Amino acid sequence: MYKVVNIKENSPNSDYALYLLDTAIKDAKIENTQVLVIIHGYGSNGVGGLIKRRVRALLKKYKKEQKIATFVGGEEWGDTNEDKIFIQSVCPETIVSRDIGNLNSGVTVVLVYK
């Protein structure tokens, strides 16, 4: 099962966006949601905004600490990405999902647990 979480809604500051991300991960574990599709935006002109950079840094830390299994940036959601293939093996709904089909750099997919 997966869930879409929009942490950029209402233009929060980056600290609040990270709080929303952390809360979504904790809730996912309680709700047994395997995958989160995090909408964080990509910043002005598609270059990469502060929220995106901080989200990816926090997810990298959480992966190292084993608080999440893995994550894939939307721009890396290609057919040959090993983490994408793994996420889809754990959560097959992501294969046919319209929410995940055309990802971009403003989105990150998180495998909360295996």
N, C-alpha and C. Protein backbone atom coordinates (compact mmCIF):
# COMPACT_ATOMS: atom_id res chain seq x y z
N MET A 1 0.84 -1.17 0.00
CA MET A 1 0.00 0.00 0.00
C MET A 1 0.89 1.25 0.00
N TYR A 2 0.47 2.25 -0.76
CA TYR A 2 1.22 3.50 -0.77
C TYR A 2 0.28 4.67 -0.50
N LYS A 3 0.91 5.78 -0.14
CA LYS A 3 0.15 6.98 0.19
C LYS A 3 0.89 8.19 -0.38
N VAL A 4 0.14 9.15 -0.92
CA VAL A 4 0.71 10.39 -1.43
C VAL A 4 0.63 11.44 -0.32
N VAL A 5 1.77 12.11 -0.06
CA VAL A 5 1.84 13.13 0.98
C VAL A 5 2.40 14.41 0.36
N ASN A 6 1.63 15.48 0.42
CA ASN A 6 2.05 16.76 -0.14
C ASN A 6 2.57 17.65 0.98
N ILE A 7 3.90 17.73 1.10
CA ILE A 7 4.48 18.54 2.18
C ILE A 7 4.77 19.98 1.73
N LYS A 8 4.49 20.30 0.48
CA LYS A 8 4.71 21.67 0.00
C LYS A 8 3.42 22.48 -0.01
N GLU A 9 2.29 21.81 0.29
CA GLU A 9 1.00 22.50 0.30
C GLU A 9 1.03 23.67 1.27
N ASN A 10 0.49 24.77 0.87
CA ASN A 10 0.44 26.01 1.66
C ASN A 10 1.81 26.64 1.86
N SER A 11 2.79 26.27 1.07
CA SER A 11 4.12 26.88 1.07
C SER A 11 4.77 26.97 2.46
N PRO A 12 4.97 25.82 3.12
CA PRO A 12 5.58 25.86 4.45
C PRO A 12 7.06 26.21 4.37
N ASN A 13 7.64 26.64 5.50
CA ASN A 13 9.08 26.80 5.52
C ASN A 13 9.71 25.41 5.58
N SER A 14 11.00 25.33 5.36
CA SER A 14 11.63 24.01 5.25
C SER A 14 11.60 23.23 6.56
N ASP A 15 11.69 23.90 7.69
CA ASP A 15 11.62 23.19 8.98
C ASP A 15 10.27 22.51 9.16
N TYR A 16 9.20 23.22 8.81
CA TYR A 16 7.86 22.64 8.95
C TYR A 16 7.66 21.51 7.94
N ALA A 17 8.18 21.67 6.74
CA ALA A 17 8.08 20.62 5.73
C ALA A 17 8.78 19.34 6.21
N LEU A 18 9.93 19.48 6.86
CA LEU A 18 10.63 18.30 7.40
C LEU A 18 9.84 17.67 8.54
N TYR A 19 9.20 18.50 9.33
CA TYR A 19 8.32 17.97 10.39
C TYR A 19 7.19 17.15 9.76
N LEU A 20 6.59 17.67 8.68
CA LEU A 20 5.52 16.94 7.99
C LEU A 20 6.03 15.62 7.43
N LEU A 21 7.23 15.63 6.88
CA LEU A 21 7.84 14.41 6.36
C LEU A 21 8.05 13.38 7.47
N ASP A 22 8.64 13.82 8.56
CA ASP A 22 8.90 12.94 9.69
C ASP A 22 7.60 12.35 10.23
N THR A 23 6.59 13.19 10.35
CA THR A 23 5.27 12.72 10.82
C THR A 23 4.68 11.71 9.85
N ALA A 24 4.80 11.96 8.55
CA ALA A 24 4.26 11.03 7.55
C ALA A 24 4.95 9.67 7.64
N ILE A 25 6.25 9.66 7.88
CA ILE A 25 6.98 8.40 8.00
C ILE A 25 6.54 7.66 9.25
N LYS A 26 6.41 8.36 10.36
CA LYS A 26 5.95 7.71 11.60
C LYS A 26 4.54 7.17 11.43
N ASP A 27 3.65 7.95 10.82
CA ASP A 27 2.27 7.51 10.59
C ASP A 27 2.24 6.29 9.66
N ALA A 28 3.10 6.29 8.65
CA ALA A 28 3.14 5.17 7.71
C ALA A 28 3.50 3.87 8.44
N LYS A 29 4.41 3.96 9.37
CA LYS A 29 4.79 2.77 10.12
C LYS A 29 3.63 2.27 10.97
N ILE A 30 2.90 3.18 11.58
CA ILE A 30 1.74 2.81 12.40
C ILE A 30 0.63 2.21 11.53
N GLU A 31 0.43 2.80 10.35
CA GLU A 31 -0.65 2.40 9.45
C GLU A 31 -0.25 1.23 8.52
N ASN A 32 0.97 0.76 8.63
CA ASN A 32 1.50 -0.29 7.74
C ASN A 32 1.47 0.12 6.27
N THR A 33 1.74 1.38 6.01
CA THR A 33 1.88 1.88 4.65
C THR A 33 3.33 1.67 4.24
N GLN A 34 3.55 0.91 3.18
CA GLN A 34 4.91 0.56 2.79
C GLN A 34 5.63 1.69 2.07
N VAL A 35 4.90 2.43 1.22
CA VAL A 35 5.52 3.41 0.36
C VAL A 35 4.84 4.76 0.51
N LEU A 36 5.65 5.81 0.57
CA LEU A 36 5.15 7.18 0.57
C LEU A 36 5.65 7.87 -0.69
N VAL A 37 4.75 8.58 -1.34
CA VAL A 37 5.11 9.43 -2.47
C VAL A 37 5.09 10.84 -1.91
N ILE A 38 6.25 11.43 -1.71
CA ILE A 38 6.39 12.74 -1.08
C ILE A 38 6.45 13.81 -2.17
N ILE A 39 5.49 14.72 -2.14
CA ILE A 39 5.50 15.87 -3.05
C ILE A 39 6.14 17.02 -2.29
N HIS A 40 7.33 17.43 -2.73
CA HIS A 40 8.06 18.48 -2.03
C HIS A 40 8.36 19.67 -2.93
N GLY A 41 8.10 19.55 -4.21
CA GLY A 41 8.43 20.62 -5.15
C GLY A 41 9.89 20.56 -5.53
N TYR A 42 10.22 21.31 -6.56
CA TYR A 42 11.60 21.27 -7.07
C TYR A 42 12.28 22.62 -7.04
N GLY A 43 11.62 23.62 -6.55
CA GLY A 43 12.23 24.94 -6.45
C GLY A 43 12.04 25.75 -7.72
N SER A 44 12.51 26.95 -7.71
CA SER A 44 12.32 27.84 -8.85
C SER A 44 13.11 27.36 -10.06
N ASN A 45 12.52 27.44 -11.21
CA ASN A 45 13.14 27.07 -12.48
C ASN A 45 13.59 25.62 -12.53
N GLY A 46 13.04 24.78 -11.64
CA GLY A 46 13.38 23.36 -11.68
C GLY A 46 14.78 23.02 -11.22
N VAL A 47 15.48 23.97 -10.64
CA VAL A 47 16.88 23.74 -10.26
C VAL A 47 16.99 22.98 -8.95
N GLY A 48 16.08 23.15 -8.04
CA GLY A 48 16.13 22.46 -6.75
C GLY A 48 16.00 23.44 -5.62
N GLY A 49 14.92 23.35 -4.91
CA GLY A 49 14.67 24.26 -3.82
C GLY A 49 15.18 23.74 -2.49
N LEU A 50 15.09 24.57 -1.50
CA LEU A 50 15.57 24.24 -0.17
C LEU A 50 14.84 23.04 0.41
N ILE A 51 13.51 22.99 0.27
CA ILE A 51 12.76 21.87 0.84
C ILE A 51 13.22 20.56 0.19
N LYS A 52 13.34 20.55 -1.11
CA LYS A 52 13.78 19.33 -1.80
C LYS A 52 15.15 18.89 -1.28
N ARG A 53 16.09 19.81 -1.20
CA ARG A 53 17.44 19.44 -0.74
C ARG A 53 17.42 18.91 0.69
N ARG A 54 16.64 19.57 1.54
CA ARG A 54 16.60 19.13 2.93
C ARG A 54 15.86 17.81 3.09
N VAL A 55 14.82 17.59 2.30
CA VAL A 55 14.10 16.31 2.32
C VAL A 55 15.04 15.19 1.94
N ARG A 56 15.76 15.37 0.85
CA ARG A 56 16.66 14.31 0.37
C ARG A 56 17.79 14.06 1.39
N ALA A 57 18.28 15.11 2.01
CA ALA A 57 19.34 14.93 3.03
C ALA A 57 18.80 14.17 4.23
N LEU A 58 17.59 14.50 4.67
CA LEU A 58 17.00 13.80 5.81
C LEU A 58 16.73 12.34 5.47
N LEU A 59 16.24 12.08 4.27
CA LEU A 59 15.98 10.70 3.86
C LEU A 59 17.27 9.90 3.78
N LYS A 60 18.33 10.53 3.32
CA LYS A 60 19.64 9.86 3.27
C LYS A 60 20.08 9.47 4.69
N LYS A 61 19.88 10.39 5.63
CA LYS A 61 20.21 10.12 7.03
C LYS A 61 19.35 8.99 7.58
N TYR A 62 18.04 9.05 7.30
CA TYR A 62 17.12 8.02 7.79
C TYR A 62 17.46 6.65 7.21
N LYS A 63 17.89 6.62 5.96
CA LYS A 63 18.28 5.34 5.35
C LYS A 63 19.51 4.78 6.06
N LYS A 64 20.48 5.64 6.31
CA LYS A 64 21.70 5.21 7.00
C LYS A 64 21.38 4.70 8.40
N GLU A 65 20.42 5.36 9.06
CA GLU A 65 20.01 4.97 10.42
C GLU A 65 18.98 3.83 10.40
N GLN A 66 18.61 3.36 9.23
CA GLN A 66 17.64 2.29 9.02
C GLN A 66 16.24 2.64 9.53
N LYS A 67 15.91 3.94 9.45
CA LYS A 67 14.55 4.38 9.78
C LYS A 67 13.63 4.21 8.58
N ILE A 68 14.22 4.15 7.38
CA ILE A 68 13.50 3.81 6.15
C ILE A 68 14.36 2.80 5.40
N ALA A 69 13.73 2.09 4.46
CA ALA A 69 14.49 1.10 3.69
C ALA A 69 15.30 1.77 2.58
N THR A 70 14.64 2.63 1.78
CA THR A 70 15.32 3.33 0.70
C THR A 70 14.41 4.43 0.16
N PHE A 71 14.92 5.19 -0.81
CA PHE A 71 14.12 6.22 -1.47
C PHE A 71 14.67 6.46 -2.86
N VAL A 72 13.79 6.99 -3.73
CA VAL A 72 14.17 7.28 -5.10
C VAL A 72 13.59 8.63 -5.48
N GLY A 73 14.44 9.54 -5.96
CA GLY A 73 13.97 10.82 -6.47
C GLY A 73 13.19 10.60 -7.75
N GLY A 74 12.17 11.39 -7.96
CA GLY A 74 11.32 11.25 -9.14
C GLY A 74 12.09 11.29 -10.44
N GLU A 75 13.13 12.10 -10.50
CA GLU A 75 13.93 12.19 -11.72
C GLU A 75 14.74 10.92 -11.97
N GLU A 76 14.83 10.05 -10.97
CA GLU A 76 15.58 8.80 -11.10
C GLU A 76 14.65 7.59 -11.24
N TRP A 77 13.34 7.83 -11.36
CA TRP A 77 12.34 6.75 -11.40
C TRP A 77 12.30 6.14 -12.80
N GLY A 78 13.42 5.60 -13.23
CA GLY A 78 13.53 5.01 -14.56
C GLY A 78 13.41 3.50 -14.51
N ASP A 79 13.28 2.90 -15.66
CA ASP A 79 13.07 1.46 -15.75
C ASP A 79 14.22 0.64 -15.18
N THR A 80 15.43 1.17 -15.20
CA THR A 80 16.58 0.39 -14.76
C THR A 80 17.07 0.72 -13.35
N ASN A 81 16.40 1.63 -12.67
CA ASN A 81 16.81 2.00 -11.31
C ASN A 81 16.53 0.84 -10.36
N GLU A 82 17.58 0.33 -9.73
CA GLU A 82 17.45 -0.84 -8.85
C GLU A 82 16.55 -0.59 -7.65
N ASP A 83 16.63 0.59 -7.04
CA ASP A 83 15.76 0.89 -5.90
C ASP A 83 14.30 0.97 -6.34
N LYS A 84 14.04 1.53 -7.52
CA LYS A 84 12.67 1.58 -8.06
C LYS A 84 12.14 0.17 -8.25
N ILE A 85 12.94 -0.69 -8.84
CA ILE A 85 12.54 -2.08 -9.08
C ILE A 85 12.26 -2.77 -7.74
N PHE A 86 13.09 -2.51 -6.74
CA PHE A 86 12.89 -3.10 -5.42
C PHE A 86 11.60 -2.58 -4.79
N ILE A 87 11.37 -1.27 -4.86
CA ILE A 87 10.14 -0.70 -4.31
C ILE A 87 8.92 -1.34 -4.97
N GLN A 88 8.98 -1.51 -6.28
CA GLN A 88 7.85 -2.11 -6.99
C GLN A 88 7.67 -3.59 -6.64
N SER A 89 8.75 -4.28 -6.29
CA SER A 89 8.61 -5.68 -5.88
C SER A 89 7.95 -5.79 -4.51
N VAL A 90 8.19 -4.81 -3.65
CA VAL A 90 7.61 -4.80 -2.31
C VAL A 90 6.17 -4.29 -2.35
N CYS A 91 5.92 -3.32 -3.20
CA CYS A 91 4.60 -2.67 -3.29
C CYS A 91 4.17 -2.63 -4.75
N PRO A 92 3.62 -3.74 -5.27
CA PRO A 92 3.28 -3.83 -6.69
C PRO A 92 2.30 -2.77 -7.19
N GLU A 93 1.50 -2.18 -6.31
CA GLU A 93 0.57 -1.12 -6.74
C GLU A 93 1.29 0.04 -7.40
N THR A 94 2.56 0.23 -7.06
CA THR A 94 3.31 1.35 -7.63
C THR A 94 3.61 1.14 -9.11
N ILE A 95 3.49 -0.09 -9.59
CA ILE A 95 3.76 -0.37 -11.00
C ILE A 95 2.71 0.27 -11.89
N VAL A 96 1.46 0.19 -11.50
CA VAL A 96 0.36 0.69 -12.34
C VAL A 96 -0.22 2.02 -11.86
N SER A 97 0.38 2.59 -10.84
CA SER A 97 -0.16 3.81 -10.25
C SER A 97 0.00 5.02 -11.16
N ARG A 98 -1.08 5.75 -11.36
CA ARG A 98 -1.00 7.01 -12.10
C ARG A 98 -0.28 8.07 -11.28
N ASP A 99 -0.32 7.96 -9.95
CA ASP A 99 0.35 8.92 -9.08
C ASP A 99 1.87 8.86 -9.25
N ILE A 100 2.39 7.70 -9.61
CA ILE A 100 3.83 7.50 -9.66
C ILE A 100 4.34 7.41 -11.10
N GLY A 101 3.47 7.23 -12.05
CA GLY A 101 3.88 6.98 -13.42
C GLY A 101 4.74 8.03 -14.07
N ASN A 102 4.49 9.30 -13.83
CA ASN A 102 5.24 10.37 -14.50
C ASN A 102 5.91 11.28 -13.47
N LEU A 103 6.76 10.70 -12.67
CA LEU A 103 7.40 11.47 -11.61
C LEU A 103 8.41 12.46 -12.16
N ASN A 104 8.65 13.48 -11.38
CA ASN A 104 9.63 14.51 -11.73
C ASN A 104 10.47 14.82 -10.50
N SER A 105 11.35 15.76 -10.62
CA SER A 105 12.27 16.07 -9.52
C SER A 105 11.59 16.72 -8.32
N GLY A 106 10.32 17.02 -8.42
CA GLY A 106 9.59 17.60 -7.29
C GLY A 106 8.95 16.56 -6.40
N VAL A 107 9.27 15.29 -6.65
CA VAL A 107 8.66 14.18 -5.92
C VAL A 107 9.75 13.18 -5.54
N THR A 108 9.58 12.54 -4.38
CA THR A 108 10.47 11.47 -3.96
C THR A 108 9.62 10.31 -3.45
N VAL A 109 9.97 9.09 -3.84
CA VAL A 109 9.26 7.89 -3.39
C VAL A 109 10.10 7.25 -2.29
N VAL A 110 9.44 6.98 -1.16
CA VAL A 110 10.12 6.43 0.02
C VAL A 110 9.58 5.04 0.33
N LEU A 111 10.45 4.06 0.41
CA LEU A 111 10.07 2.75 0.91
C LEU A 111 10.30 2.78 2.41
N VAL A 112 9.21 2.82 3.14
CA VAL A 112 9.29 2.98 4.59
C VAL A 112 9.87 1.72 5.22
N TYR A 113 9.36 0.58 4.83
CA TYR A 113 9.90 -0.69 5.32
C TYR A 113 9.67 -1.78 4.32
N LYS A 114 10.45 -2.84 4.44
CA LYS A 114 10.38 -3.97 3.51
C LYS A 114 9.24 -4.87 3.86
